[in-house]
Amino acid sequence: MKDPQLRAYVPFVGPFDPCPPVEIRTYLVPPQLFIPFQPMGWPQYSPAEALRIGTLWPALYSPYTPERSKGRKVESDGA
Protein backbone atom coordinates (compact mmCIF):
# COMPACT_ATOMS: atom_id res chain seq x y z
CA MET A 1 0.00 0.00 0.00
CA LYS A 2 1.24 3.47 -0.86
CA ASP A 3 1.94 5.88 2.00
CA PRO A 4 -0.80 8.59 1.85
CA GLN A 5 1.56 11.21 3.37
CA LEU A 6 4.27 10.77 0.73
CA ARG A 7 3.91 12.89 -2.39
CA ALA A 8 6.14 13.20 -5.46
CA TYR A 9 6.67 15.56 -8.38
CA VAL A 10 8.93 15.87 -11.41
CA PRO A 11 11.02 19.07 -11.24
CA PHE A 12 11.89 21.17 -14.25
CA VAL A 13 15.24 20.30 -15.81
CA GLY A 14 16.76 23.12 -17.85
CA PRO A 15 18.95 22.46 -20.88
CA PHE A 16 21.91 24.29 -19.30
CA ASP A 17 21.76 22.82 -15.76
CA PRO A 18 25.34 22.06 -14.64
CA CYS A 19 24.36 19.19 -12.32
CA PRO A 20 22.81 15.84 -13.22
CA PRO A 21 19.01 16.12 -13.02
CA VAL A 22 16.95 14.70 -10.19
CA GLU A 23 14.19 12.68 -11.85
CA ILE A 24 11.63 12.62 -9.02
CA ARG A 25 11.47 14.66 -5.80
CA THR A 26 9.45 13.47 -2.82
CA TYR A 27 8.07 15.24 0.24
CA LEU A 28 5.82 14.45 3.20
CA VAL A 29 2.45 16.07 3.74
CA PRO A 30 1.71 16.61 7.46
CA PRO A 31 -1.39 14.67 8.59
CA GLN A 32 -2.88 17.67 10.44
CA LEU A 33 -3.65 19.27 7.06
CA PHE A 34 -6.45 16.77 6.55
CA ILE A 35 -8.02 16.90 10.02
CA PRO A 36 -9.97 20.17 10.44
CA PHE A 37 -10.79 19.65 14.14
CA GLN A 38 -10.09 17.19 16.93
CA PRO A 39 -13.05 14.82 17.30
CA MET A 40 -14.07 13.65 20.76
CA GLY A 41 -13.24 10.09 21.73
CA TRP A 42 -10.17 9.67 19.50
CA PRO A 43 -7.86 6.80 20.47
CA GLN A 44 -4.79 7.97 22.38
CA TYR A 45 -1.31 6.68 23.09
CA SER A 46 -0.23 6.19 26.69
CA PRO A 47 1.54 9.26 28.14
CA ALA A 48 4.99 7.62 27.94
CA GLU A 49 4.41 6.48 24.35
CA ALA A 50 3.05 9.92 23.39
CA LEU A 51 6.18 11.63 24.74
CA ARG A 52 8.42 9.22 22.82
CA ILE A 53 6.49 9.55 19.54
CA GLY A 54 5.68 13.26 19.81
CA THR A 55 1.89 13.19 19.60
CA LEU A 56 -0.98 11.94 21.74
CA TRP A 57 -3.16 10.79 18.84
CA PRO A 58 -2.21 7.98 16.43
CA ALA A 59 -3.96 9.75 13.53
CA LEU A 60 -1.50 12.64 13.81
CA TYR A 61 1.63 10.47 13.93
CA SER A 62 3.98 10.98 11.01
CA PRO A 63 7.32 9.17 11.16
CA TYR A 64 10.34 11.13 9.95
CA THR A 65 13.36 9.38 8.47
CA PRO A 66 16.16 11.75 7.45
CA GLU A 67 17.87 11.04 4.12
CA ARG A 68 21.21 10.51 5.89
CA SER A 69 19.89 7.73 8.12
CA LYS A 70 18.00 5.75 5.47
CA GLY A 71 19.50 2.30 5.26
CA ARG A 72 21.34 2.79 8.55
CA LYS A 73 20.38 0.70 11.56
CA VAL A 74 18.54 2.71 14.22
CA GLU A 75 19.44 1.74 17.78
CA SER A 76 16.86 1.49 20.53
CA ASP A 77 16.86 4.09 23.29
CA GLY A 78 16.10 1.40 25.87
CA ALA A 79 12.41 2.23 26.13
C-alpha atoms as a PDB file:
ATOM      1  CA  MET A   1       0.000   0.000   0.000  1.00  0.00           C
ATOM      2  CA  LYS A   2       1.244   3.469  -0.858  1.00  0.00           C
ATOM      3  CA  ASP A   3       1.939   5.883   2.001  1.00  0.00           C
ATOM      4  CA  PRO A   4      -0.799   8.592   1.850  1.00  0.00           C
ATOM      5  CA  GLN A   5       1.561  11.209   3.369  1.00  0.00           C
ATOM      6  CA  LEU A   6       4.270  10.769   0.729  1.00  0.00           C
ATOM      7  CA  ARG A   7       3.907  12.894  -2.391  1.00  0.00           C
ATOM      8  CA  ALA A   8       6.138  13.200  -5.464  1.00  0.00           C
ATOM      9  CA  TYR A   9       6.666  15.559  -8.384  1.00  0.00           C
ATOM     10  CA  VAL A  10       8.929  15.871 -11.406  1.00  0.00           C
ATOM     11  CA  PRO A  11      11.021  19.069 -11.236  1.00  0.00           C
ATOM     12  CA  PHE A  12      11.888  21.170 -14.251  1.00  0.00           C
ATOM     13  CA  VAL A  13      15.245  20.305 -15.806  1.00  0.00           C
ATOM     14  CA  GLY A  14      16.758  23.121 -17.848  1.00  0.00           C
ATOM     15  CA  PRO A  15      18.947  22.456 -20.885  1.00  0.00           C
ATOM     16  CA  PHE A  16      21.908  24.289 -19.297  1.00  0.00           C
ATOM     17  CA  ASP A  17      21.757  22.824 -15.761  1.00  0.00           C
ATOM     18  CA  PRO A  18      25.341  22.059 -14.641  1.00  0.00           C
ATOM     19  CA  CYS A  19      24.363  19.187 -12.318  1.00  0.00           C
ATOM     20  CA  PRO A  20      22.811  15.837 -13.221  1.00  0.00           C
ATOM     21  CA  PRO A  21      19.013  16.117 -13.016  1.00  0.00           C
ATOM     22  CA  VAL A  22      16.952  14.697 -10.192  1.00  0.00           C
ATOM     23  CA  GLU A  23      14.188  12.682 -11.852  1.00  0.00           C
ATOM     24  CA  ILE A  24      11.632  12.618  -9.016  1.00  0.00           C
ATOM     25  CA  ARG A  25      11.467  14.661  -5.803  1.00  0.00           C
ATOM     26  CA  THR A  26       9.446  13.469  -2.821  1.00  0.00           C
ATOM     27  CA  TYR A  27       8.074  15.239   0.237  1.00  0.00           C
ATOM     28  CA  LEU A  28       5.824  14.450   3.205  1.00  0.00           C
ATOM     29  CA  VAL A  29       2.451  16.074   3.737  1.00  0.00           C
ATOM     30  CA  PRO A  30       1.706  16.609   7.455  1.00  0.00           C
ATOM     31  CA  PRO A  31      -1.392  14.670   8.595  1.00  0.00           C
ATOM     32  CA  GLN A  32      -2.877  17.667  10.439  1.00  0.00           C
ATOM     33  CA  LEU A  33      -3.647  19.273   7.055  1.00  0.00           C
ATOM     34  CA  PHE A  34      -6.452  16.766   6.547  1.00  0.00           C
ATOM     35  CA  ILE A  35      -8.017  16.903  10.021  1.00  0.00           C
ATOM     36  CA  PRO A  36      -9.966  20.168  10.437  1.00  0.00           C
ATOM     37  CA  PHE A  37     -10.792  19.652  14.144  1.00  0.00           C
ATOM     38  CA  GLN A  38     -10.087  17.190  16.935  1.00  0.00           C
ATOM     39  CA  PRO A  39     -13.046  14.822  17.305  1.00  0.00           C
ATOM     40  CA  MET A  40     -14.074  13.652  20.764  1.00  0.00           C
ATOM     41  CA  GLY A  41     -13.241  10.085  21.727  1.00  0.00           C
ATOM     42  CA  TRP A  42     -10.174   9.672  19.504  1.00  0.00           C
ATOM     43  CA  PRO A  43      -7.860   6.802  20.471  1.00  0.00           C
ATOM     44  CA  GLN A  44      -4.792   7.975  22.384  1.00  0.00           C
ATOM     45  CA  TYR A  45      -1.305   6.679  23.089  1.00  0.00           C
ATOM     46  CA  SER A  46      -0.235   6.191  26.690  1.00  0.00           C
ATOM     47  CA  PRO A  47       1.537   9.262  28.143  1.00  0.00           C
ATOM     48  CA  ALA A  48       4.988   7.621  27.937  1.00  0.00           C
ATOM     49  CA  GLU A  49       4.412   6.479  24.348  1.00  0.00           C
ATOM     50  CA  ALA A  50       3.050   9.923  23.392  1.00  0.00           C
ATOM     51  CA  LEU A  51       6.176  11.633  24.735  1.00  0.00           C
ATOM     52  CA  ARG A  52       8.418   9.217  22.824  1.00  0.00           C
ATOM     53  CA  ILE A  53       6.492   9.551  19.542  1.00  0.00           C
ATOM     54  CA  GLY A  54       5.676  13.263  19.813  1.00  0.00           C
ATOM     55  CA  THR A  55       1.891  13.188  19.603  1.00  0.00           C
ATOM     56  CA  LEU A  56      -0.977  11.940  21.741  1.00  0.00           C
ATOM     57  CA  TRP A  57      -3.161  10.795  18.837  1.00  0.00           C
ATOM     58  CA  PRO A  58      -2.205   7.977  16.431  1.00  0.00           C
ATOM     59  CA  ALA A  59      -3.964   9.746  13.533  1.00  0.00           C
ATOM     60  CA  LEU A  60      -1.496  12.642  13.815  1.00  0.00           C
ATOM     61  CA  TYR A  61       1.629  10.470  13.931  1.00  0.00           C
ATOM     62  CA  SER A  62       3.980  10.982  11.007  1.00  0.00           C
ATOM     63  CA  PRO A  63       7.323   9.170  11.164  1.00  0.00           C
ATOM     64  CA  TYR A  64      10.337  11.127   9.951  1.00  0.00           C
ATOM     65  CA  THR A  65      13.362   9.375   8.468  1.00  0.00           C
ATOM     66  CA  PRO A  66      16.162  11.747   7.452  1.00  0.00           C
ATOM     67  CA  GLU A  67      17.875  11.037   4.120  1.00  0.00           C
ATOM     68  CA  ARG A  68      21.205  10.513   5.891  1.00  0.00           C
ATOM     69  CA  SER A  69      19.892   7.731   8.121  1.00  0.00           C
ATOM     70  CA  LYS A  70      17.996   5.746   5.465  1.00  0.00           C
ATOM     71  CA  GLY A  71      19.500   2.305   5.260  1.00  0.00           C
ATOM     72  CA  ARG A  72      21.338   2.793   8.552  1.00  0.00           C
ATOM     73  CA  LYS A  73      20.376   0.704  11.564  1.00  0.00           C
ATOM     74  CA  VAL A  74      18.542   2.706  14.222  1.00  0.00           C
ATOM     75  CA  GLU A  75      19.442   1.738  17.778  1.00  0.00           C
ATOM     76  CA  SER A  76      16.859   1.492  20.528  1.00  0.00           C
ATOM     77  CA  ASP A  77      16.856   4.094  23.294  1.00  0.00           C
ATOM     78  CA  GLY A  78      16.102   1.401  25.866  1.00  0.00           C
ATOM     79  CA  ALA A  79      12.411   2.228  26.127  1.00  0.00           C
END
